[in-house]
Amino acid sequence: MLTKIFEAYEYLGVVSTLNRSEGIVVIRGTVDTYTDIIEILPNLPFFVEICEEE
């Protein structure tokens, strides 16, 4: 579902599964799409925890 949502947003980021059984994914975006991704995630119809890599 998450992949379809991001595809609908003109490929803001690429969704990859890190751990299927735990539902852990990574979304790879760009500097240009970062703000949009951060705005979309809290509005999804399921729990989202944002862990940023520094």
PDB file of N, CA and C in Angstrom:
ATOM      1  N   MET A   1       0.819  -1.193   0.000  1.00  0.00           N
ATOM      2  CA  MET A   1       0.000   0.000   0.000  1.00  0.00           C
ATOM      3  C   MET A   1       0.870   1.266   0.000  1.00  0.00           C
ATOM      4  N   LEU A   2       1.905   1.271   0.815  1.00  0.00           N
ATOM      5  CA  LEU A   2       2.781   2.441   0.901  1.00  0.00           C
ATOM      6  C   LEU A   2       3.438   2.730  -0.446  1.00  0.00           C
ATOM      7  N   THR A   3       3.881   1.687  -1.117  1.00  0.00           N
ATOM      8  CA  THR A   3       4.507   1.867  -2.427  1.00  0.00           C
ATOM      9  C   THR A   3       3.535   2.512  -3.408  1.00  0.00           C
ATOM     10  N   LYS A   4       2.296   2.042  -3.421  1.00  0.00           N
ATOM     11  CA  LYS A   4       1.284   2.598  -4.330  1.00  0.00           C
ATOM     12  C   LYS A   4       1.025   4.071  -4.032  1.00  0.00           C
ATOM     13  N   ILE A   5       0.998   4.429  -2.751  1.00  0.00           N
ATOM     14  CA  ILE A   5       0.787   5.828  -2.366  1.00  0.00           C
ATOM     15  C   ILE A   5       1.919   6.697  -2.901  1.00  0.00           C
ATOM     16  N   PHE A   6       3.161   6.240  -2.728  1.00  0.00           N
ATOM     17  CA  PHE A   6       4.293   7.042  -3.192  1.00  0.00           C
ATOM     18  C   PHE A   6       4.381   7.073  -4.714  1.00  0.00           C
ATOM     19  N   GLU A   7       3.952   6.011  -5.385  1.00  0.00           N
ATOM     20  CA  GLU A   7       3.893   6.043  -6.847  1.00  0.00           C
ATOM     21  C   GLU A   7       2.864   7.071  -7.312  1.00  0.00           C
ATOM     22  N   ALA A   8       1.752   7.160  -6.603  1.00  0.00           N
ATOM     23  CA  ALA A   8       0.708   8.125  -6.960  1.00  0.00           C
ATOM     24  C   ALA A   8       1.188   9.563  -6.787  1.00  0.00           C
ATOM     25  N   TYR A   9       2.135   9.772  -5.905  1.00  0.00           N
ATOM     26  CA  TYR A   9       2.699  11.109  -5.685  1.00  0.00           C
ATOM     27  C   TYR A   9       3.883  11.377  -6.611  1.00  0.00           C
ATOM     28  N   GLU A  10       3.868  10.779  -7.793  1.00  0.00           N
ATOM     29  CA  GLU A  10       4.910  11.039  -8.797  1.00  0.00           C
ATOM     30  C   GLU A  10       6.301  10.639  -8.313  1.00  0.00           C
ATOM     31  N   TYR A  11       6.377   9.501  -7.649  1.00  0.00           N
ATOM     32  CA  TYR A  11       7.666   8.951  -7.223  1.00  0.00           C
ATOM     33  C   TYR A  11       8.471   9.904  -6.345  1.00  0.00           C
ATOM     34  N   LEU A  12       7.857  10.343  -5.258  1.00  0.00           N
ATOM     35  CA  LEU A  12       8.572  11.195  -4.301  1.00  0.00           C
ATOM     36  C   LEU A  12       9.733  10.456  -3.666  1.00  0.00           C
ATOM     37  N   GLY A  13       9.586   9.159  -3.537  1.00  0.00           N
ATOM     38  CA  GLY A  13      10.631   8.354  -2.928  1.00  0.00           C
ATOM     39  C   GLY A  13      10.465   6.912  -3.348  1.00  0.00           C
ATOM     40  N   VAL A  14      11.499   6.136  -3.127  1.00  0.00           N
ATOM     41  CA  VAL A  14      11.477   4.713  -3.437  1.00  0.00           C
ATOM     42  C   VAL A  14      11.317   3.959  -2.128  1.00  0.00           C
ATOM     43  N   VAL A  15      10.295   3.104  -2.053  1.00  0.00           N
ATOM     44  CA  VAL A  15      10.008   2.343  -0.844  1.00  0.00           C
ATOM     45  C   VAL A  15      10.661   0.972  -0.961  1.00  0.00           C
ATOM     46  N   SER A  16      11.452   0.589   0.053  1.00  0.00           N
ATOM     47  CA  SER A  16      12.089  -0.726   0.105  1.00  0.00           C
ATOM     48  C   SER A  16      11.811  -1.362   1.459  1.00  0.00           C
ATOM     49  N   THR A  17      11.540  -2.655   1.457  1.00  0.00           N
ATOM     50  CA  THR A  17      11.276  -3.380   2.696  1.00  0.00           C
ATOM     51  C   THR A  17      12.591  -3.791   3.342  1.00  0.00           C
ATOM     52  N   LEU A  18      12.728  -3.476   4.635  1.00  0.00           N
ATOM     53  CA  LEU A  18      13.907  -3.902   5.388  1.00  0.00           C
ATOM     54  C   LEU A  18      13.616  -5.172   6.180  1.00  0.00           C
ATOM     55  N   ASN A  19      12.405  -5.253   6.775  1.00  0.00           N
ATOM     56  CA  ASN A  19      12.003  -6.424   7.549  1.00  0.00           C
ATOM     57  C   ASN A  19      10.502  -6.613   7.373  1.00  0.00           C
ATOM     58  N   ARG A  20      10.132  -7.552   6.537  1.00  0.00           N
ATOM     59  CA  ARG A  20       8.719  -7.762   6.195  1.00  0.00           C
ATOM     60  C   ARG A  20       7.890  -8.166   7.410  1.00  0.00           C
ATOM     61  N   SER A  21       8.403  -9.065   8.240  1.00  0.00           N
ATOM     62  CA  SER A  21       7.623  -9.555   9.383  1.00  0.00           C
ATOM     63  C   SER A  21       7.359  -8.463  10.418  1.00  0.00           C
ATOM     64  N   GLU A  22       8.253  -7.490  10.514  1.00  0.00           N
ATOM     65  CA  GLU A  22       8.073  -6.385  11.456  1.00  0.00           C
ATOM     66  C   GLU A  22       7.484  -5.143  10.783  1.00  0.00           C
ATOM     67  N   GLY A  23       7.315  -5.197   9.472  1.00  0.00           N
ATOM     68  CA  GLY A  23       6.740  -4.063   8.747  1.00  0.00           C
ATOM     69  C   GLY A  23       7.665  -2.864   8.666  1.00  0.00           C
ATOM     70  N   ILE A  24       8.964  -3.119   8.640  1.00  0.00           N
ATOM     71  CA  ILE A  24       9.940  -2.024   8.601  1.00  0.00           C
ATOM     72  C   ILE A  24      10.349  -1.763   7.154  1.00  0.00           C
ATOM     73  N   VAL A  25      10.204  -0.507   6.756  1.00  0.00           N
ATOM     74  CA  VAL A  25      10.582  -0.101   5.404  1.00  0.00           C
ATOM     75  C   VAL A  25      11.474   1.128   5.476  1.00  0.00           C
ATOM     76  N   VAL A  26      12.120   1.399   4.373  1.00  0.00           N
ATOM     77  CA  VAL A  26      12.883   2.635   4.224  1.00  0.00           C
ATOM     78  C   VAL A  26      12.336   3.336   2.986  1.00  0.00           C
ATOM     79  N   ILE A  27      12.254   4.646   3.072  1.00  0.00           N
ATOM     80  CA  ILE A  27      11.846   5.442   1.917  1.00  0.00           C
ATOM     81  C   ILE A  27      13.036   6.304   1.537  1.00  0.00           C
ATOM     82  N   ARG A  28      13.520   6.088   0.336  1.00  0.00           N
ATOM     83  CA  ARG A  28      14.666   6.857  -0.142  1.00  0.00           C
ATOM     84  C   ARG A  28      14.150   7.993  -1.019  1.00  0.00           C
ATOM     85  N   GLY A  29      14.345   9.189  -0.530  1.00  0.00           N
ATOM     86  CA  GLY A  29      13.927  10.370  -1.273  1.00  0.00           C
ATOM     87  C   GLY A  29      15.139  11.213  -1.614  1.00  0.00           C
ATOM     88  N   THR A  30      14.878  12.408  -2.058  1.00  0.00           N
ATOM     89  CA  THR A  30      15.952  13.341  -2.387  1.00  0.00           C
ATOM     90  C   THR A  30      15.816  14.578  -1.512  1.00  0.00           C
ATOM     91  N   VAL A  31      16.788  15.431  -1.586  1.00  0.00           N
ATOM     92  CA  VAL A  31      16.724  16.697  -0.857  1.00  0.00           C
ATOM     93  C   VAL A  31      15.471  17.469  -1.278  1.00  0.00           C
ATOM     94  N   ASP A  32      15.133  17.389  -2.544  1.00  0.00           N
ATOM     95  CA  ASP A  32      13.968  18.114  -3.063  1.00  0.00           C
ATOM     96  C   ASP A  32      12.631  17.532  -2.602  1.00  0.00           C
ATOM     97  N   THR A  33      12.581  16.224  -2.308  1.00  0.00           N
ATOM     98  CA  THR A  33      11.309  15.597  -1.931  1.00  0.00           C
ATOM     99  C   THR A  33      11.171  15.360  -0.433  1.00  0.00           C
ATOM    100  N   TYR A  34      12.221  15.601   0.324  1.00  0.00           N
ATOM    101  CA  TYR A  34      12.226  15.314   1.767  1.00  0.00           C
ATOM    102  C   TYR A  34      11.050  15.963   2.508  1.00  0.00           C
ATOM    103  N   THR A  35      10.837  17.241   2.319  1.00  0.00           N
ATOM    104  CA  THR A  35       9.770  17.956   3.028  1.00  0.00           C
ATOM    105  C   THR A  35       8.401  17.364   2.702  1.00  0.00           C
ATOM    106  N   ASP A  36       8.165  17.049   1.443  1.00  0.00           N
ATOM    107  CA  ASP A  36       6.885  16.454   1.048  1.00  0.00           C
ATOM    108  C   ASP A  36       6.684  15.090   1.704  1.00  0.00           C
ATOM    109  N   ILE A  37       7.729  14.284   1.737  1.00  0.00           N
ATOM    110  CA  ILE A  37       7.637  12.959   2.359  1.00  0.00           C
ATOM    111  C   ILE A  37       7.297  13.089   3.841  1.00  0.00           C
ATOM    112  N   ILE A  38       7.971  13.979   4.536  1.00  0.00           N
ATOM    113  CA  ILE A  38       7.737  14.174   5.968  1.00  0.00           C
ATOM    114  C   ILE A  38       6.319  14.680   6.229  1.00  0.00           C
ATOM    115  N   GLU A  39       5.756  15.442   5.319  1.00  0.00           N
ATOM    116  CA  GLU A  39       4.379  15.925   5.473  1.00  0.00           C
ATOM    117  C   GLU A  39       3.352  14.823   5.208  1.00  0.00           C
ATOM    118  N   ILE A  40       3.642  13.923   4.290  1.00  0.00           N
ATOM    119  CA  ILE A  40       2.707  12.862   3.923  1.00  0.00           C
ATOM    120  C   ILE A  40       2.644  11.761   4.985  1.00  0.00           C
ATOM    121  N   LEU A  41       3.787  11.340   5.495  1.00  0.00           N
ATOM    122  CA  LEU A  41       3.839  10.170   6.383  1.00  0.00           C
ATOM    123  C   LEU A  41       2.894  10.228   7.580  1.00  0.00           C
ATOM    124  N   PRO A  42       2.800  11.322   8.329  1.00  0.00           N
ATOM    125  CA  PRO A  42       1.896  11.332   9.488  1.00  0.00           C
ATOM    126  C   PRO A  42       0.414  11.263   9.115  1.00  0.00           C
ATOM    127  N   ASN A  43       0.085  11.466   7.864  1.00  0.00           N
ATOM    128  CA  ASN A  43      -1.305  11.460   7.419  1.00  0.00           C
ATOM    129  C   ASN A  43      -1.747  10.134   6.811  1.00  0.00           C
ATOM    130  N   LEU A  44      -0.894   9.127   6.866  1.00  0.00           N
ATOM    131  CA  LEU A  44      -1.252   7.820   6.326  1.00  0.00           C
ATOM    132  C   LEU A  44      -2.193   7.094   7.286  1.00  0.00           C
ATOM    133  N   PRO A  45      -2.999   6.150   6.771  1.00  0.00           N
ATOM    134  CA  PRO A  45      -3.998   5.477   7.609  1.00  0.00           C
ATOM    135  C   PRO A  45      -3.439   4.340   8.469  1.00  0.00           C
ATOM    136  N   PHE A  46      -2.161   4.393   8.785  1.00  0.00           N
ATOM    137  CA  PHE A  46      -1.548   3.394   9.654  1.00  0.00           C
ATOM    138  C   PHE A  46      -0.401   4.047  10.415  1.00  0.00           C
ATOM    139  N   PHE A  47       0.071   3.361  11.461  1.00  0.00           N
ATOM    140  CA  PHE A  47       1.129   3.902  12.313  1.00  0.00           C
ATOM    141  C   PHE A  47       2.417   4.077  11.514  1.00  0.00           C
ATOM    142  N   VAL A  48       3.048   5.214  11.707  1.00  0.00           N
ATOM    143  CA  VAL A  48       4.328   5.504  11.066  1.00  0.00           C
ATOM    144  C   VAL A  48       5.264   6.084  12.111  1.00  0.00           C
ATOM    145  N   GLU A  49       6.443   5.504  12.213  1.00  0.00           N
ATOM    146  CA  GLU A  49       7.491   6.066  13.065  1.00  0.00           C
ATOM    147  C   GLU A  49       8.609   6.525  12.138  1.00  0.00           C
ATOM    148  N   ILE A  50       8.973   7.780  12.248  1.00  0.00           N
ATOM    149  CA  ILE A  50      10.006   8.343  11.378  1.00  0.00           C
ATOM    150  C   ILE A  50      11.342   8.292  12.105  1.00  0.00           C
ATOM    151  N   CYS A  51      12.278   7.557  11.519  1.00  0.00           N
ATOM    152  CA  CYS A  51      13.636   7.446  12.057  1.00  0.00           C
ATOM    153  C   CYS A  51      14.565   8.025  11.003  1.00  0.00           C
ATOM    154  N   GLU A  52      15.169   9.137  11.307  1.00  0.00           N
ATOM    155  CA  GLU A  52      16.019   9.804  10.329  1.00  0.00           C
ATOM    156  C   GLU A  52      17.469   9.412  10.524  1.00  0.00           C
ATOM    157  N   GLU A  53      18.141   9.195   9.411  1.00  0.00           N
ATOM    158  CA  GLU A  53      19.567   8.904   9.439  1.00  0.00           C
ATOM    159  C   GLU A  53      20.310  10.213   9.299  1.00  0.00           C
ATOM    160  N   GLU A  54      21.309  10.420  10.130  1.00  0.00           N
ATOM    161  CA  GLU A  54      22.071  11.676  10.067  1.00  0.00           C
ATOM    162  C   GLU A  54      23.395  11.472   9.404  1.00  0.00           C
TER     163      GLU A  54
END
